[in-house]
C-alpha atoms as a PDB file:
ATOM      1  CA  MET A   1       6.384 -43.077  67.317  1.00  0.00           C
ATOM      2  CA  GLY A   2       6.686 -40.270  64.874  1.00  0.00           C
ATOM      3  CA  ASN A   3       3.749 -38.471  63.330  1.00  0.00           C
ATOM      4  CA  PRO A   4       2.069 -40.244  60.258  1.00  0.00           C
ATOM      5  CA  PRO A   5       3.011 -38.616  56.893  1.00  0.00           C
ATOM      6  CA  ALA A   6       0.523 -35.676  55.829  1.00  0.00           C
ATOM      7  CA  SER A   7      -1.965 -36.518  53.242  1.00  0.00           C
ATOM      8  CA  SER A   8       0.022 -33.983  50.873  1.00  0.00           C
ATOM      9  CA  GLU A   9       2.973 -36.165  50.954  1.00  0.00           C
ATOM     10  CA  ILE A  10       0.964 -39.261  50.378  1.00  0.00           C
ATOM     11  CA  TRP A  11      -1.367 -37.530  47.584  1.00  0.00           C
ATOM     12  CA  PRO A  12       1.010 -35.062  46.217  1.00  0.00           C
ATOM     13  CA  GLU A  13      -0.228 -32.105  44.428  1.00  0.00           C
ATOM     14  CA  LEU A  14      -0.132 -32.545  40.546  1.00  0.00           C
ATOM     15  CA  ASN A  15      -1.465 -29.685  38.720  1.00  0.00           C
ATOM     16  CA  TYR A  16      -1.009 -30.322  34.714  1.00  0.00           C
ATOM     17  CA  ALA A  17      -0.001 -26.870  34.125  1.00  0.00           C
ATOM     18  CA  ASP A  18       2.818 -27.200  36.277  1.00  0.00           C
ATOM     19  CA  TRP A  19       4.487 -30.296  34.528  1.00  0.00           C
ATOM     20  CA  LYS A  20       2.917 -30.494  31.235  1.00  0.00           C
ATOM     21  CA  ASP A  21       6.357 -30.409  29.181  1.00  0.00           C
ATOM     22  CA  THR A  22       7.663 -32.980  31.323  1.00  0.00           C
ATOM     23  CA  CYS A  23       4.484 -35.145  31.310  1.00  0.00           C
ATOM     24  CA  ALA A  24       4.796 -34.777  27.421  1.00  0.00           C
ATOM     25  CA  THR A  25       8.451 -35.947  27.124  1.00  0.00           C
ATOM     26  CA  LEU A  26       8.005 -38.733  29.611  1.00  0.00           C
ATOM     27  CA  HIS A  27       5.051 -39.981  27.721  1.00  0.00           C
ATOM     28  CA  MET A  28       7.099 -40.411  24.674  1.00  0.00           C
ATOM     29  CA  TRP A  29       9.905 -42.120  26.825  1.00  0.00           C
ATOM     30  CA  THR A  30       7.468 -44.538  28.096  1.00  0.00           C
ATOM     31  CA  GLN A  31       6.127 -45.475  24.576  1.00  0.00           C
ATOM     32  CA  ILE A  32       9.684 -46.242  23.429  1.00  0.00           C
ATOM     33  CA  VAL A  33      10.333 -48.575  26.424  1.00  0.00           C
ATOM     34  CA  GLY A  34       6.723 -49.859  25.829  1.00  0.00           C
ATOM     35  CA  LYS A  35       7.454 -50.358  22.377  1.00  0.00           C
ATOM     36  CA  VAL A  36      10.471 -52.820  22.995  1.00  0.00           C
ATOM     37  CA  ARG A  37       8.061 -54.812  25.316  1.00  0.00           C
ATOM     38  CA  LEU A  38       5.580 -54.972  22.212  1.00  0.00           C
ATOM     39  CA  THR A  39       7.850 -56.121  19.800  1.00  0.00           C
ATOM     40  CA  LEU A  40       9.503 -58.953  21.858  1.00  0.00           C
ATOM     41  CA  THR A  41       6.759 -60.334  23.967  1.00  0.00           C
ATOM     42  CA  PRO A  42       3.867 -62.931  22.741  1.00  0.00           C
ATOM     43  CA  TRP A  43       0.520 -61.375  21.962  1.00  0.00           C
ATOM     44  CA  THR A  44      -2.021 -61.640  24.899  1.00  0.00           C
ATOM     45  CA  ASN A  45      -5.475 -60.515  24.559  1.00  0.00           C
ATOM     46  CA  HIS A  46      -6.588 -56.923  24.772  1.00  0.00           C
ATOM     47  CA  SER A  47      -2.936 -55.853  24.302  1.00  0.00           C
ATOM     48  CA  TRP A  48      -2.139 -56.907  27.818  1.00  0.00           C
ATOM     49  CA  HIS A  49       1.316 -57.942  26.658  1.00  0.00           C
ATOM     50  CA  VAL A  50       2.337 -54.490  26.171  1.00  0.00           C
ATOM     51  CA  THR A  51       1.693 -52.505  29.480  1.00  0.00           C
ATOM     52  CA  LEU A  52       3.871 -51.277  32.284  1.00  0.00           C
ATOM     53  CA  TYR A  53       3.537 -52.091  35.872  1.00  0.00           C
ATOM     54  CA  LEU A  54       4.242 -49.700  39.076  1.00  0.00           C
ATOM     55  CA  THR A  55       7.228 -50.876  41.458  1.00  0.00           C
ATOM     56  CA  SER A  56       8.503 -49.530  44.607  1.00  0.00           C
ATOM     57  CA  ARG A  57      10.982 -47.225  42.616  1.00  0.00           C
ATOM     58  CA  GLY A  58       8.894 -46.596  39.270  1.00  0.00           C
ATOM     59  CA  LEU A  59       7.596 -48.424  36.149  1.00  0.00           C
ATOM     60  CA  THR A  60       8.748 -51.787  34.732  1.00  0.00           C
ATOM     61  CA  THR A  61       8.238 -53.665  31.555  1.00  0.00           C
ATOM     62  CA  SER A  62       8.394 -57.117  33.614  1.00  0.00           C
ATOM     63  CA  PRO A  63      10.823 -59.592  32.190  1.00  0.00           C
ATOM     64  CA  ILE A  64      10.939 -59.751  28.220  1.00  0.00           C
ATOM     65  CA  PRO A  65      12.029 -62.742  26.602  1.00  0.00           C
ATOM     66  CA  TYR A  66      14.957 -62.668  24.229  1.00  0.00           C
ATOM     67  CA  GLY A  67      16.056 -65.969  22.769  1.00  0.00           C
ATOM     68  CA  SER A  68      16.966 -67.976  25.798  1.00  0.00           C
ATOM     69  CA  ASP A  69      17.548 -64.741  28.084  1.00  0.00           C
ATOM     70  CA  LEU A  70      15.086 -62.437  29.935  1.00  0.00           C
ATOM     71  CA  PHE A  71      15.995 -58.691  30.597  1.00  0.00           C
ATOM     72  CA  GLU A  72      13.765 -55.852  32.308  1.00  0.00           C
ATOM     73  CA  ILE A  73      13.695 -52.325  31.588  1.00  0.00           C
ATOM     74  CA  TYR A  74      12.595 -50.015  34.412  1.00  0.00           C
ATOM     75  CA  PHE A  75      12.128 -46.318  35.221  1.00  0.00           C
ATOM     76  CA  ASP A  76      13.517 -45.334  38.674  1.00  0.00           C
ATOM     77  CA  PHE A  77      11.949 -42.135  39.558  1.00  0.00           C
ATOM     78  CA  ILE A  78      13.794 -41.691  42.831  1.00  0.00           C
ATOM     79  CA  ASP A  79      17.227 -42.052  41.321  1.00  0.00           C
ATOM     80  CA  HIS A  80      16.212 -40.961  37.835  1.00  0.00           C
ATOM     81  CA  ASN A  81      17.826 -43.443  35.893  1.00  0.00           C
ATOM     82  CA  LEU A  82      16.550 -45.905  33.428  1.00  0.00           C
ATOM     83  CA  ARG A  83      17.973 -49.401  33.966  1.00  0.00           C
ATOM     84  CA  ILE A  84      18.226 -52.409  31.654  1.00  0.00           C
ATOM     85  CA  LEU A  85      18.926 -55.675  33.576  1.00  0.00           C
ATOM     86  CA  LYS A  86      19.686 -58.776  31.623  1.00  0.00           C
ATOM     87  CA  SER A  87      19.536 -62.237  33.292  1.00  0.00           C
ATOM     88  CA  ASN A  88      23.109 -63.068  32.744  1.00  0.00           C
ATOM     89  CA  GLY A  89      23.953 -60.262  35.140  1.00  0.00           C
ATOM     90  CA  SER A  90      25.052 -57.441  32.660  1.00  0.00           C
ATOM     91  CA  ARG A  91      23.149 -54.068  32.985  1.00  0.00           C
ATOM     92  CA  ARG A  92      23.187 -50.890  31.530  1.00  0.00           C
ATOM     93  CA  THR A  93      21.895 -47.325  32.935  1.00  0.00           C
ATOM     94  CA  VAL A  94      20.375 -44.251  30.876  1.00  0.00           C
ATOM     95  CA  GLU A  95      20.171 -41.101  32.908  1.00  0.00           C
ATOM     96  CA  GLN A  96      16.594 -39.643  33.262  1.00  0.00           C
ATOM     97  CA  LYS A  97      17.268 -35.941  32.654  1.00  0.00           C
ATOM     98  CA  ALA A  98      16.416 -33.170  30.419  1.00  0.00           C
ATOM     99  CA  ARG A  99      17.342 -34.565  27.028  1.00  0.00           C
ATOM    100  CA  SER A 100      15.409 -34.820  23.764  1.00  0.00           C
ATOM    101  CA  VAL A 101      13.220 -37.669  22.880  1.00  0.00           C
ATOM    102  CA  ALA A 102      15.374 -38.278  20.016  1.00  0.00           C
ATOM    103  CA  ASP A 103      18.403 -38.357  22.611  1.00  0.00           C
ATOM    104  CA  PHE A 104      16.752 -40.801  24.764  1.00  0.00           C
ATOM    105  CA  TYR A 105      15.793 -43.029  21.991  1.00  0.00           C
ATOM    106  CA  LYS A 106      19.529 -43.306  20.790  1.00  0.00           C
ATOM    107  CA  ALA A 107      20.558 -43.873  24.258  1.00  0.00           C
ATOM    108  CA  VAL A 108      18.362 -46.775  24.935  1.00  0.00           C
ATOM    109  CA  MET A 109      18.864 -48.419  21.643  1.00  0.00           C
ATOM    110  CA  THR A 110      22.565 -48.175  22.085  1.00  0.00           C
ATOM    111  CA  ALA A 111      22.415 -49.676  25.771  1.00  0.00           C
ATOM    112  CA  LEU A 112      20.295 -52.616  24.055  1.00  0.00           C
ATOM    113  CA  ASP A 113      22.771 -53.097  21.587  1.00  0.00           C
ATOM    114  CA  GLU A 114      25.761 -53.346  24.073  1.00  0.00           C
ATOM    115  CA  LEU A 115      23.653 -55.706  26.055  1.00  0.00           C
ATOM    116  CA  LYS A 116      23.495 -57.975  22.700  1.00  0.00           C
ATOM    117  CA  LEU A 117      19.798 -57.080  22.679  1.00  0.00           C
ATOM    118  CA  PRO A 118      19.177 -55.658  19.339  1.00  0.00           C
ATOM    119  CA  VAL A 119      15.601 -54.693  18.424  1.00  0.00           C
ATOM    120  CA  LYS A 120      13.839 -52.018  15.953  1.00  0.00           C
ATOM    121  CA  ILE A 121      10.577 -50.781  17.296  1.00  0.00           C
ATOM    122  CA  ASP A 122       8.003 -48.889  15.338  1.00  0.00           C
ATOM    123  CA  LEU A 123       9.414 -45.267  15.518  1.00  0.00           C
ATOM    124  CA  LEU A 124       5.825 -43.613  15.155  1.00  0.00           C
ATOM    125  CA  PRO A 125       4.009 -42.832  18.749  1.00  0.00           C
ATOM    126  CA  ASN A 126       0.354 -44.125  19.138  1.00  0.00           C
ATOM    127  CA  GLU A 127      -2.521 -42.330  20.676  1.00  0.00           C
ATOM    128  CA  ILE A 128      -1.534 -38.853  19.873  1.00  0.00           C
ATOM    129  CA  ALA A 129      -2.164 -36.168  17.223  1.00  0.00           C
ATOM    130  CA  ASP A 130       0.399 -35.189  14.980  1.00  0.00           C
ATOM    131  CA  PRO A 131       3.014 -37.651  16.179  1.00  0.00           C
ATOM    132  CA  ILE A 132       6.812 -37.180  15.750  1.00  0.00           C
ATOM    133  CA  PRO A 133       8.798 -40.113  15.023  1.00  0.00           C
ATOM    134  CA  PHE A 134      11.094 -40.727  18.104  1.00  0.00           C
ATOM    135  CA  ASP A 135      14.256 -40.461  16.482  1.00  0.00           C
ATOM    136  CA  ARG A 136      13.376 -37.174  14.937  1.00  0.00           C
ATOM    137  CA  ASP A 137      11.630 -35.946  18.043  1.00  0.00           C
ATOM    138  CA  GLU A 138      13.602 -32.736  19.471  1.00  0.00           C
ATOM    139  CA  GLN A 139      10.770 -30.671  20.667  1.00  0.00           C
ATOM    140  CA  HIS A 140      10.120 -32.736  23.783  1.00  0.00           C
ATOM    141  CA  ARG A 141      13.058 -32.631  25.688  1.00  0.00           C
ATOM    142  CA  TRP A 142      11.945 -31.634  29.471  1.00  0.00           C
ATOM    143  CA  TYR A 143      12.226 -33.615  32.396  1.00  0.00           C
ATOM    144  CA  ASP A 144      11.722 -32.309  36.128  1.00  0.00           C
ATOM    145  CA  PRO A 145      12.736 -34.898  38.682  1.00  0.00           C
ATOM    146  CA  GLU A 146      10.386 -33.275  41.110  1.00  0.00           C
ATOM    147  CA  PHE A 147       7.089 -33.612  39.007  1.00  0.00           C
ATOM    148  CA  ALA A 148       8.388 -36.895  37.550  1.00  0.00           C
ATOM    149  CA  ASN A 149       8.602 -38.211  41.293  1.00  0.00           C
ATOM    150  CA  ARG A 150       5.276 -36.791  42.170  1.00  0.00           C
ATOM    151  CA  PHE A 151       3.441 -38.411  39.379  1.00  0.00           C
ATOM    152  CA  TRP A 152       4.823 -41.968  40.344  1.00  0.00           C
ATOM    153  CA  ARG A 153       3.951 -41.313  43.781  1.00  0.00           C
ATOM    154  CA  VAL A 154       0.321 -40.583  42.861  1.00  0.00           C
ATOM    155  CA  LEU A 155       0.451 -43.858  40.813  1.00  0.00           C
ATOM    156  CA  VAL A 156       1.639 -45.903  43.530  1.00  0.00           C
ATOM    157  CA  GLN A 157      -1.555 -44.664  45.650  1.00  0.00           C
ATOM    158  CA  ALA A 158      -3.830 -45.276  42.576  1.00  0.00           C
ATOM    159  CA  ASP A 159      -2.218 -48.665  41.930  1.00  0.00           C
ATOM    160  CA  ARG A 160      -2.889 -49.542  45.579  1.00  0.00           C
ATOM    161  CA  VAL A 161      -6.380 -48.663  45.694  1.00  0.00           C
ATOM    162  CA  LEU A 162      -7.395 -49.970  42.021  1.00  0.00           C
ATOM    163  CA  LYS A 163      -5.796 -53.389  43.130  1.00  0.00           C
ATOM    164  CA  ASP A 164      -8.243 -53.362  46.440  1.00  0.00           C
ATOM    165  CA  PHE A 165     -11.271 -52.733  43.874  1.00  0.00           C
ATOM    166  CA  ARG A 166     -10.118 -55.378  41.669  1.00  0.00           C
ATOM    167  CA  SER A 167      -9.990 -57.988  44.460  1.00  0.00           C
ATOM    168  CA  ARG A 168     -13.758 -57.616  44.917  1.00  0.00           C
ATOM    169  CA  PHE A 169     -14.496 -59.164  41.381  1.00  0.00           C
ATOM    170  CA  CYS A 170     -14.129 -62.648  40.515  1.00  0.00           C
ATOM    171  CA  GLY A 171     -14.788 -62.713  36.486  1.00  0.00           C
ATOM    172  CA  LYS A 172     -12.443 -61.788  33.918  1.00  0.00           C
ATOM    173  CA  CYS A 173     -10.510 -58.938  34.939  1.00  0.00           C
ATOM    174  CA  SER A 174      -7.214 -57.209  33.779  1.00  0.00           C
ATOM    175  CA  PRO A 175      -4.342 -56.678  35.775  1.00  0.00           C
ATOM    176  CA  VAL A 176      -3.829 -52.911  37.073  1.00  0.00           C
ATOM    177  CA  HIS A 177      -1.348 -51.925  34.485  1.00  0.00           C
ATOM    178  CA  PHE A 178      -0.046 -48.927  32.964  1.00  0.00           C
ATOM    179  CA  PHE A 179      -0.981 -48.163  29.057  1.00  0.00           C
ATOM    180  CA  TRP A 180       1.853 -46.066  27.718  1.00  0.00           C
ATOM    181  CA  GLY A 181      -0.358 -45.174  24.385  1.00  0.00           C
ATOM    182  CA  SER A 182      -2.978 -43.575  26.327  1.00  0.00           C
ATOM    183  CA  PHE A 183      -0.255 -42.674  29.222  1.00  0.00           C
ATOM    184  CA  ASP A 184      -2.835 -43.985  32.165  1.00  0.00           C
ATOM    185  CA  LEU A 185      -3.015 -46.657  34.948  1.00  0.00           C
ATOM    186  CA  ALA A 186      -6.126 -48.814  34.369  1.00  0.00           C
ATOM    187  CA  VAL A 187      -8.130 -51.825  35.480  1.00  0.00           C
ATOM    188  CA  THR A 188     -10.738 -53.192  33.481  1.00  0.00           C
ATOM    189  CA  ARG A 189     -13.656 -55.815  34.313  1.00  0.00           C
ATOM    190  CA  PHE A 190     -15.352 -57.902  31.867  1.00  0.00           C
ATOM    191  CA  SER A 191     -19.141 -59.082  31.762  1.00  0.00           C
ATOM    192  CA  GLY A 192     -18.548 -62.116  30.129  1.00  0.00           C
ATOM    193  CA  ARG A 193     -20.446 -61.244  26.897  1.00  0.00           C
ATOM    194  CA  THR A 194     -19.073 -60.150  23.295  1.00  0.00           C
ATOM    195  CA  ALA A 195     -19.651 -56.585  22.544  1.00  0.00           C
ATOM    196  CA  PRO A 196     -20.547 -54.646  19.136  1.00  0.00           C
ATOM    197  CA  PRO A 197     -17.677 -54.042  16.964  1.00  0.00           C
ATOM    198  CA  HIS A 198     -15.878 -50.797  18.303  1.00  0.00           C
ATOM    199  CA  PRO A 199     -15.880 -47.913  15.870  1.00  0.00           C
ATOM    200  CA  GLY A 200     -12.032 -47.401  16.119  1.00  0.00           C
ATOM    201  CA  GLY A 201     -10.706 -43.955  15.213  1.00  0.00           C
ATOM    202  CA  VAL A 202      -8.072 -43.730  17.939  1.00  0.00           C
ATOM    203  CA  PRO A 203      -5.337 -41.537  16.746  1.00  0.00           C
ATOM    204  CA  HIS A 204      -2.548 -43.492  15.133  1.00  0.00           C
ATOM    205  CA  LEU A 205      -3.813 -46.878  16.429  1.00  0.00           C
ATOM    206  CA  PRO A 206      -4.982 -49.606  14.188  1.00  0.00           C
ATOM    207  CA  ASP A 207      -8.625 -49.925  14.237  1.00  0.00           C
ATOM    208  CA  ALA A 208      -8.173 -53.941  14.309  1.00  0.00           C
ATOM    209  CA  ILE A 209      -6.093 -53.239  17.653  1.00  0.00           C
ATOM    210  CA  THR A 210      -9.010 -51.260  19.261  1.00  0.00           C
ATOM    211  CA  ARG A 211     -11.736 -53.483  18.240  1.00  0.00           C
ATOM    212  CA  GLU A 212     -10.018 -56.424  19.651  1.00  0.00           C
ATOM    213  CA  ALA A 213      -9.500 -54.781  22.686  1.00  0.00           C
ATOM    214  CA  TYR A 214     -13.358 -53.790  23.111  1.00  0.00           C
ATOM    215  CA  SER A 215     -14.570 -57.320  21.651  1.00  0.00           C
ATOM    216  CA  GLN A 216     -16.029 -58.004  24.985  1.00  0.00           C
ATOM    217  CA  GLU A 217     -18.345 -55.824  27.242  1.00  0.00           C
ATOM    218  CA  VAL A 218     -16.244 -53.849  29.894  1.00  0.00           C
ATOM    219  CA  SER A 219     -16.273 -51.445  32.927  1.00  0.00           C
ATOM    220  CA  SER A 220     -13.038 -49.876  32.951  1.00  0.00           C
ATOM    221  CA  LEU A 221     -11.466 -47.604  35.712  1.00  0.00           C
ATOM    222  CA  GLY A 222      -8.232 -45.629  35.797  1.00  0.00           C
ATOM    223  CA  PHE A 223      -5.952 -42.720  36.532  1.00  0.00           C
ATOM    224  CA  TRP A 224      -5.054 -40.255  33.867  1.00  0.00           C
ATOM    225  CA  SER A 225      -2.642 -37.292  34.231  1.00  0.00           C
ATOM    226  CA  GLY A 226      -4.607 -35.109  31.649  1.00  0.00           C
ATOM    227  CA  ASN A 227      -3.456 -33.222  28.366  1.00  0.00           C
ATOM    228  CA  ASP A 228      -4.032 -30.008  26.673  1.00  0.00           C
ATOM    229  CA  ALA A 229      -7.434 -30.845  25.768  1.00  0.00           C
ATOM    230  CA  MET A 230      -8.363 -32.077  29.293  1.00  0.00           C
ATOM    231  CA  PRO A 231      -5.755 -30.107  31.622  1.00  0.00           C
ATOM    232  CA  GLN A 232      -6.362 -31.989  34.750  1.00  0.00           C
ATOM    233  CA  ALA A 233      -5.394 -35.117  36.282  1.00  0.00           C
ATOM    234  CA  ILE A 234      -8.694 -37.426  36.776  1.00  0.00           C
ATOM    235  CA  PHE A 235     -10.024 -40.615  38.027  1.00  0.00           C
ATOM    236  CA  TYR A 236     -12.080 -42.023  35.346  1.00  0.00           C
ATOM    237  CA  SER A 237     -14.568 -44.850  34.752  1.00  0.00           C
ATOM    238  CA  TYR A 238     -16.505 -45.502  31.320  1.00  0.00           C
ATOM    239  CA  ALA A 239     -18.441 -48.965  30.010  1.00  0.00           C
ATOM    240  CA  TYR A 240     -18.381 -50.158  26.510  1.00  0.00           C
ATOM    241  CA  PRO A 241     -20.870 -50.534  25.267  1.00  0.00           C
ATOM    242  CA  GLU A 242     -22.340 -47.666  27.027  1.00  0.00           C
ATOM    243  CA  PRO A 243     -25.706 -48.864  28.448  1.00  0.00           C
ATOM    244  CA  LYS A 244     -28.839 -46.717  28.046  1.00  0.00           C
ATOM    245  CA  GLY A 245     -29.081 -44.278  31.080  1.00  0.00           C
ATOM    246  CA  PHE A 246     -25.317 -44.586  32.041  1.00  0.00           C
ATOM    247  CA  SER A 247     -24.644 -40.824  31.576  1.00  0.00           C
ATOM    248  CA  GLU A 248     -27.472 -39.990  33.831  1.00  0.00           C
ATOM    249  CA  ALA A 249     -26.642 -42.517  36.483  1.00  0.00           C
ATOM    250  CA  LYS A 250     -26.058 -41.232  39.970  1.00  0.00           C
ATOM    251  CA  VAL A 251     -22.743 -42.006  41.013  1.00  0.00           C
ATOM    252  CA  LYS A 252     -20.348 -40.767  44.286  1.00  0.00           C
ATOM    253  CA  PRO A 253     -18.692 -38.569  45.249  1.00  0.00           C
ATOM    254  CA  ASP A 254     -20.268 -35.265  44.547  1.00  0.00           C
ATOM    255  CA  ALA A 255     -17.286 -34.347  42.698  1.00  0.00           C
ATOM    256  CA  ALA A 256     -17.663 -36.861  40.059  1.00  0.00           C
ATOM    257  CA  SER A 257     -19.568 -36.236  36.774  1.00  0.00           C
ATOM    258  CA  TYR A 258     -20.166 -37.398  33.372  1.00  0.00           C
ATOM    259  CA  ASN A 259     -17.907 -35.985  30.430  1.00  0.00           C
ATOM    260  CA  SER A 260     -20.050 -36.070  27.369  1.00  0.00           C
ATOM    261  CA  GLN A 261     -16.732 -35.198  25.209  1.00  0.00           C
ATOM    262  CA  LEU A 262     -14.844 -38.236  26.853  1.00  0.00           C
ATOM    263  CA  HIS A 263     -17.995 -40.572  27.237  1.00  0.00           C
ATOM    264  CA  GLU A 264     -16.599 -41.164  30.836  1.00  0.00           C
ATOM    265  CA  PHE A 265     -17.540 -40.454  34.555  1.00  0.00           C
ATOM    266  CA  VAL A 266     -14.484 -38.235  36.004  1.00  0.00           C
ATOM    267  CA  LEU A 267     -13.277 -37.587  39.221  1.00  0.00           C
ATOM    268  CA  PRO A 268     -10.749 -34.794  39.602  1.00  0.00           C
ATOM    269  CA  TYR A 269      -7.555 -35.777  41.285  1.00  0.00           C
ATOM    270  CA  ALA A 270      -7.635 -32.474  43.117  1.00  0.00           C
ATOM    271  CA  ALA A 271     -11.079 -33.525  44.963  1.00  0.00           C
ATOM    272  CA  VAL A 272      -9.321 -36.812  45.813  1.00  0.00           C
ATOM    273  CA  ARG A 273      -6.414 -35.673  47.416  1.00  0.00           C
ATOM    274  CA  THR A 274      -8.000 -32.863  49.264  1.00  0.00           C
ATOM    275  CA  SER A 275     -10.875 -35.329  50.543  1.00  0.00           C
ATOM    276  CA  LYS A 276     -11.148 -36.735  54.246  1.00  0.00           C
ATOM    277  CA  SER A 277     -10.177 -40.290  52.949  1.00  0.00           C
ATOM    278  CA  PRO A 278      -8.889 -40.343  49.313  1.00  0.00           C
ATOM    279  CA  ASP A 279      -8.913 -44.304  49.424  1.00  0.00           C
ATOM    280  CA  ASP A 280     -12.569 -44.161  50.398  1.00  0.00           C
ATOM    281  CA  THR A 281     -13.374 -41.733  47.836  1.00  0.00           C
ATOM    282  CA  ILE A 282     -11.765 -43.485  44.888  1.00  0.00           C
ATOM    283  CA  LEU A 283     -13.678 -46.626  46.112  1.00  0.00           C
ATOM    284  CA  ASP A 284     -16.732 -45.048  46.238  1.00  0.00           C
ATOM    285  CA  PHE A 285     -16.487 -43.740  42.668  1.00  0.00           C
ATOM    286  CA  ALA A 286     -15.331 -46.858  41.333  1.00  0.00           C
ATOM    287  CA  GLN A 287     -18.082 -48.839  42.943  1.00  0.00           C
ATOM    288  CA  SER A 288     -20.840 -46.505  41.950  1.00  0.00           C
ATOM    289  CA  THR A 289     -19.924 -46.373  38.344  1.00  0.00           C
ATOM    290  CA  TYR A 290     -19.379 -50.056  38.053  1.00  0.00           C
ATOM    291  CA  ASP A 291     -22.804 -50.455  39.669  1.00  0.00           C
ATOM    292  CA  ALA A 292     -24.324 -48.414  37.132  1.00  0.00           C
ATOM    293  CA  ALA A 293     -22.467 -49.954  34.346  1.00  0.00           C
ATOM    294  CA  SER A 294     -23.239 -53.234  35.476  1.00  0.00           C
ATOM    295  CA  THR A 295     -26.882 -52.844  36.467  1.00  0.00           C
ATOM    296  CA  LEU A 296     -27.961 -50.982  33.508  1.00  0.00           C
ATOM    297  CA  GLY A 297     -25.856 -53.392  31.144  1.00  0.00           C
ATOM    298  CA  LYS A 298     -27.758 -56.615  32.830  1.00  0.00           C
ATOM    299  CA  TRP A 299     -24.421 -58.269  34.037  1.00  0.00           C
ATOM    300  CA  ASP A 300     -24.687 -61.421  36.031  1.00  0.00           C
ATOM    301  CA  ARG A 301     -23.510 -59.635  39.212  1.00  0.00           C
ATOM    302  CA  THR A 302     -24.120 -62.856  41.297  1.00  0.00           C
ATOM    303  CA  ALA A 303     -21.633 -65.150  39.294  1.00  0.00           C
ATOM    304  CA  LEU A 304     -19.159 -62.290  38.812  1.00  0.00           C
ATOM    305  CA  GLU A 305     -18.427 -60.749  42.270  1.00  0.00           C
ATOM    306  CA  GLU A 306     -16.193 -62.064  44.682  1.00  0.00           C
ATOM    307  CA  LYS A 307     -17.458 -63.940  47.572  1.00  0.00           C
ATOM    308  CA  LYS A 308     -14.418 -64.074  50.120  1.00  0.00           C
ATOM    309  CA  PRO A 309     -14.023 -67.364  52.297  1.00  0.00           C
ATOM    310  CA  SER A 310     -14.394 -66.504  56.082  1.00  0.00           C
ATOM    311  CA  LEU A 311     -11.037 -65.580  57.457  1.00  0.00           C
ATOM    312  CA  HIS A 312     -11.882 -67.787  60.703  1.00  0.00           C
ATOM    313  CA  SER A 313     -12.561 -71.084  58.745  1.00  0.00           C
ATOM    314  CA  ALA A 314      -9.863 -73.656  59.525  1.00  0.00           C
ATOM    315  CA  SER A 315      -8.832 -76.267  57.313  1.00  0.00           C
ATOM    316  CA  LYS A 316      -9.301 -79.874  58.339  1.00  0.00           C
ATOM    317  CA  HIS A 317      -6.807 -82.480  57.809  1.00  0.00           C
ATOM    318  CA  SER A 318      -7.722 -86.277  57.852  1.00  0.00           C
END
């Protein structure tokens, strides 16, 4: 039997400064693909119909309806090809390489046209300052396969742990999914009560979308790769509406802290990957921040938290 993989292989280093140009380009690429799904998929509450999902090779849209056909688009961060698969067996491939957003957009639209899946999407990116239309964006043109792969490998581990945390809740809860607008992996629990109207103000996102997303009380947990304003990868947790005393709550581990600018508790990814047990570190963070949100917010925790059946119970047949 061989030695188990080192923690650095399972939880790779991901310093924002080392891959920020690739990160910015990949963010725009995922927005293009995500907007294809947005345009063609029936609306689901809280914009759950627009998200991407982790796979054993990358990120996928999941099946998208197109008339009587289905198709799927997925990023492959091992072979570094974007694949478009149609239910009639036809397919196209777009290479993930150093290329501008405009060039990537053109290649994706051409591939869809060739598959007889023409679609027009909103060309302006969402949730970023000073957006450049996809078809004119020559600024973002970096793609480092090593760091794209590292990012996906972090998402693989985060997805696995967040799904473990999700299993502990039997109330309304989102899937673990990747939002291409904010470029983060998230899972959100709901109290079951309505929330006050959100103030909106998210850059280049209609306030009506934001207000519907936060129309009910939530406690949300996720992983974010960072940006120029917050140049580090983090796990985060927030509550909306934020209950009184939330920012002063004692949470685990000691490396976690409340960020008053983001209105979130944040846990640096670097602290997670170097901890004795990254899984337990994330789960302690997830549970303690949820405890704070749900207790201070007076959620009905008895009704909402999962009570698993005994694994030793046997079904009886008459």
